[in-house]
Amino acid sequence: MTIKIFREEHPPPHFHAEYGEYEALISIQSLTVIDGNLPSRPLGMVIEWASEHRGELADLWERAIHHQPMFKIPPLR
């Protein structure tokens, strides 16, 4: 599983979750899939992880769109 936020993004604030051949864009605010899809188990893991790190994801989104230094968020435990 790979989670990414790109510097040249468009609203609403979101992140990309990639799992094998699957990719989904997930809203940081609502933690719902905006576009794409993931199988249910990986999606559940992503939502669990994102709910624990929502503030950090929002901070990373702001940093990305303002071209500021980024940081890594720890994986799901």
N, C-alpha and C. Protein backbone atom coordinates (compact mmCIF):
# COMPACT_ATOMS: atom_id res chain seq x y z
N MET A 1 0.86 -1.17 0.00
CA MET A 1 0.00 0.00 0.00
C MET A 1 0.90 1.23 0.00
N THR A 2 0.58 2.17 -0.86
CA THR A 2 1.31 3.42 -0.93
C THR A 2 0.32 4.58 -0.83
N ILE A 3 0.66 5.55 0.01
CA ILE A 3 -0.15 6.75 0.17
C ILE A 3 0.66 7.93 -0.34
N LYS A 4 0.04 8.78 -1.16
CA LYS A 4 0.76 9.92 -1.73
C LYS A 4 -0.12 11.17 -1.72
N ILE A 5 0.55 12.30 -1.54
CA ILE A 5 -0.07 13.61 -1.78
C ILE A 5 0.87 14.33 -2.73
N PHE A 6 0.34 14.81 -3.83
CA PHE A 6 1.16 15.46 -4.84
C PHE A 6 1.15 16.98 -4.67
N ARG A 7 2.23 17.60 -5.07
CA ARG A 7 2.37 19.06 -4.92
C ARG A 7 1.41 19.85 -5.82
N GLU A 8 1.14 19.37 -6.99
CA GLU A 8 0.27 20.09 -7.94
C GLU A 8 -1.14 19.52 -7.88
N GLU A 9 -1.77 19.61 -6.73
CA GLU A 9 -3.09 19.01 -6.53
C GLU A 9 -4.22 20.00 -6.75
N HIS A 10 -5.40 19.48 -6.79
CA HIS A 10 -6.63 20.24 -6.97
C HIS A 10 -7.53 19.96 -5.78
N PRO A 11 -8.37 20.93 -5.39
CA PRO A 11 -9.33 20.67 -4.31
C PRO A 11 -10.32 19.60 -4.72
N PRO A 12 -10.98 18.97 -3.79
CA PRO A 12 -10.86 19.10 -2.34
C PRO A 12 -9.60 18.40 -1.83
N PRO A 13 -9.17 18.72 -0.61
CA PRO A 13 -8.00 18.06 -0.03
C PRO A 13 -8.18 16.54 -0.02
N HIS A 14 -7.20 15.84 -0.57
CA HIS A 14 -7.31 14.39 -0.69
C HIS A 14 -5.92 13.77 -0.77
N PHE A 15 -5.88 12.46 -0.67
CA PHE A 15 -4.64 11.73 -0.88
C PHE A 15 -4.92 10.57 -1.82
N HIS A 16 -3.87 10.04 -2.40
CA HIS A 16 -3.95 8.90 -3.31
C HIS A 16 -3.53 7.66 -2.54
N ALA A 17 -4.32 6.61 -2.61
CA ALA A 17 -3.96 5.32 -2.03
C ALA A 17 -3.81 4.33 -3.19
N GLU A 18 -2.64 3.71 -3.26
CA GLU A 18 -2.36 2.74 -4.33
C GLU A 18 -2.14 1.37 -3.71
N TYR A 19 -2.77 0.39 -4.32
CA TYR A 19 -2.64 -1.00 -3.86
C TYR A 19 -2.63 -1.88 -5.10
N GLY A 20 -1.43 -2.35 -5.48
CA GLY A 20 -1.31 -3.14 -6.70
C GLY A 20 -1.81 -2.33 -7.89
N GLU A 21 -2.76 -2.90 -8.61
CA GLU A 21 -3.30 -2.23 -9.80
C GLU A 21 -4.41 -1.24 -9.47
N TYR A 22 -4.78 -1.12 -8.20
CA TYR A 22 -5.88 -0.26 -7.78
C TYR A 22 -5.36 1.08 -7.28
N GLU A 23 -6.18 2.11 -7.48
CA GLU A 23 -5.88 3.43 -6.93
C GLU A 23 -7.18 4.13 -6.59
N ALA A 24 -7.18 4.83 -5.46
CA ALA A 24 -8.34 5.61 -5.05
C ALA A 24 -7.89 6.96 -4.54
N LEU A 25 -8.67 7.99 -4.82
CA LEU A 25 -8.48 9.31 -4.24
C LEU A 25 -9.45 9.40 -3.07
N ILE A 26 -8.92 9.73 -1.90
CA ILE A 26 -9.72 9.72 -0.68
C ILE A 26 -9.72 11.11 -0.05
N SER A 27 -10.91 11.61 0.25
CA SER A 27 -11.07 12.92 0.88
C SER A 27 -10.47 12.90 2.28
N ILE A 28 -9.66 13.91 2.59
CA ILE A 28 -9.09 14.01 3.93
C ILE A 28 -10.17 14.39 4.94
N GLN A 29 -11.11 15.21 4.54
CA GLN A 29 -12.16 15.67 5.46
C GLN A 29 -13.15 14.56 5.80
N SER A 30 -13.69 13.89 4.79
CA SER A 30 -14.76 12.91 5.03
C SER A 30 -14.28 11.47 5.04
N LEU A 31 -13.03 11.24 4.60
CA LEU A 31 -12.47 9.89 4.47
C LEU A 31 -13.35 8.99 3.59
N THR A 32 -13.87 9.58 2.53
CA THR A 32 -14.64 8.82 1.55
C THR A 32 -13.88 8.82 0.23
N VAL A 33 -14.16 7.82 -0.59
CA VAL A 33 -13.51 7.71 -1.89
C VAL A 33 -14.11 8.75 -2.83
N ILE A 34 -13.26 9.59 -3.40
CA ILE A 34 -13.68 10.62 -4.35
C ILE A 34 -13.67 10.04 -5.76
N ASP A 35 -12.66 9.21 -6.04
CA ASP A 35 -12.51 8.65 -7.38
C ASP A 35 -11.71 7.36 -7.27
N GLY A 36 -11.92 6.45 -8.20
CA GLY A 36 -11.19 5.19 -8.22
C GLY A 36 -11.77 4.19 -7.24
N ASN A 37 -11.00 3.15 -6.96
CA ASN A 37 -11.46 2.14 -6.00
C ASN A 37 -10.31 1.31 -5.47
N LEU A 38 -10.55 0.70 -4.34
CA LEU A 38 -9.65 -0.26 -3.71
C LEU A 38 -10.50 -1.43 -3.25
N PRO A 39 -9.93 -2.62 -3.17
CA PRO A 39 -10.67 -3.74 -2.57
C PRO A 39 -11.05 -3.39 -1.12
N SER A 40 -12.09 -4.01 -0.61
CA SER A 40 -12.65 -3.61 0.68
C SER A 40 -11.67 -3.72 1.85
N ARG A 41 -10.90 -4.78 1.95
CA ARG A 41 -9.97 -4.91 3.08
C ARG A 41 -8.90 -3.83 3.05
N PRO A 42 -8.18 -3.63 1.93
CA PRO A 42 -7.20 -2.53 1.91
C PRO A 42 -7.84 -1.16 2.13
N LEU A 43 -9.04 -0.95 1.61
CA LEU A 43 -9.72 0.32 1.82
C LEU A 43 -9.99 0.53 3.31
N GLY A 44 -10.45 -0.49 3.99
CA GLY A 44 -10.69 -0.39 5.43
C GLY A 44 -9.43 -0.04 6.19
N MET A 45 -8.30 -0.64 5.79
CA MET A 45 -7.02 -0.34 6.44
C MET A 45 -6.61 1.11 6.19
N VAL A 46 -6.82 1.58 4.97
CA VAL A 46 -6.48 2.97 4.64
C VAL A 46 -7.33 3.93 5.46
N ILE A 47 -8.62 3.67 5.56
CA ILE A 47 -9.52 4.55 6.31
C ILE A 47 -9.14 4.54 7.79
N GLU A 48 -8.82 3.38 8.34
CA GLU A 48 -8.40 3.29 9.74
C GLU A 48 -7.14 4.13 9.96
N TRP A 49 -6.15 3.95 9.08
CA TRP A 49 -4.89 4.70 9.18
C TRP A 49 -5.15 6.20 9.05
N ALA A 50 -5.94 6.58 8.05
CA ALA A 50 -6.20 8.00 7.80
C ALA A 50 -6.96 8.65 8.96
N SER A 51 -7.86 7.90 9.59
CA SER A 51 -8.60 8.47 10.72
C SER A 51 -7.67 8.77 11.88
N GLU A 52 -6.61 7.98 12.03
CA GLU A 52 -5.62 8.21 13.09
C GLU A 52 -4.69 9.37 12.76
N HIS A 53 -4.58 9.72 11.48
CA HIS A 53 -3.61 10.73 11.04
C HIS A 53 -4.25 11.86 10.23
N ARG A 54 -5.52 12.11 10.46
CA ARG A 54 -6.24 13.12 9.67
C ARG A 54 -5.60 14.51 9.79
N GLY A 55 -5.21 14.90 10.98
CA GLY A 55 -4.57 16.20 11.17
C GLY A 55 -3.26 16.31 10.41
N GLU A 56 -2.47 15.25 10.45
CA GLU A 56 -1.20 15.24 9.73
C GLU A 56 -1.43 15.27 8.22
N LEU A 57 -2.45 14.55 7.75
CA LEU A 57 -2.77 14.57 6.32
C LEU A 57 -3.19 15.97 5.88
N ALA A 58 -3.99 16.64 6.69
CA ALA A 58 -4.41 18.01 6.36
C ALA A 58 -3.20 18.94 6.33
N ASP A 59 -2.28 18.77 7.27
CA ASP A 59 -1.05 19.57 7.29
C ASP A 59 -0.22 19.30 6.04
N LEU A 60 -0.07 18.04 5.67
CA LEU A 60 0.69 17.70 4.47
C LEU A 60 0.05 18.29 3.22
N TRP A 61 -1.28 18.27 3.16
CA TRP A 61 -1.98 18.86 2.01
C TRP A 61 -1.60 20.34 1.88
N GLU A 62 -1.67 21.08 2.99
CA GLU A 62 -1.32 22.50 2.97
C GLU A 62 0.14 22.70 2.57
N ARG A 63 1.02 21.88 3.10
CA ARG A 63 2.44 21.98 2.75
C ARG A 63 2.63 21.71 1.26
N ALA A 64 1.94 20.72 0.74
CA ALA A 64 2.10 20.35 -0.67
C ALA A 64 1.66 21.49 -1.59
N ILE A 65 0.49 22.05 -1.35
CA ILE A 65 0.01 23.08 -2.27
C ILE A 65 0.79 24.38 -2.15
N HIS A 66 1.50 24.56 -1.03
CA HIS A 66 2.35 25.75 -0.85
C HIS A 66 3.82 25.43 -1.08
N HIS A 67 4.11 24.26 -1.61
CA HIS A 67 5.47 23.84 -1.95
C HIS A 67 6.42 23.95 -0.76
N GLN A 68 5.95 23.53 0.40
CA GLN A 68 6.77 23.51 1.61
C GLN A 68 7.30 22.09 1.83
N PRO A 69 8.32 21.95 2.69
CA PRO A 69 8.86 20.61 2.96
C PRO A 69 7.79 19.67 3.48
N MET A 70 7.88 18.42 3.05
CA MET A 70 6.92 17.39 3.44
C MET A 70 7.55 16.50 4.51
N PHE A 71 6.74 15.65 5.12
CA PHE A 71 7.23 14.69 6.10
C PHE A 71 6.48 13.38 5.90
N LYS A 72 7.02 12.31 6.45
CA LYS A 72 6.36 11.00 6.34
C LYS A 72 5.49 10.76 7.56
N ILE A 73 4.39 10.06 7.34
CA ILE A 73 3.49 9.66 8.42
C ILE A 73 3.74 8.18 8.68
N PRO A 74 3.82 7.78 9.96
CA PRO A 74 4.06 6.37 10.27
C PRO A 74 2.96 5.47 9.70
N PRO A 75 3.32 4.22 9.38
CA PRO A 75 2.33 3.28 8.85
C PRO A 75 1.35 2.82 9.93
N LEU A 76 0.32 2.12 9.50
CA LEU A 76 -0.67 1.54 10.41
C LEU A 76 0.02 0.50 11.28
N ARG A 77 -0.26 0.52 12.54
CA ARG A 77 0.35 -0.45 13.47
C ARG A 77 -0.52 -1.66 13.64
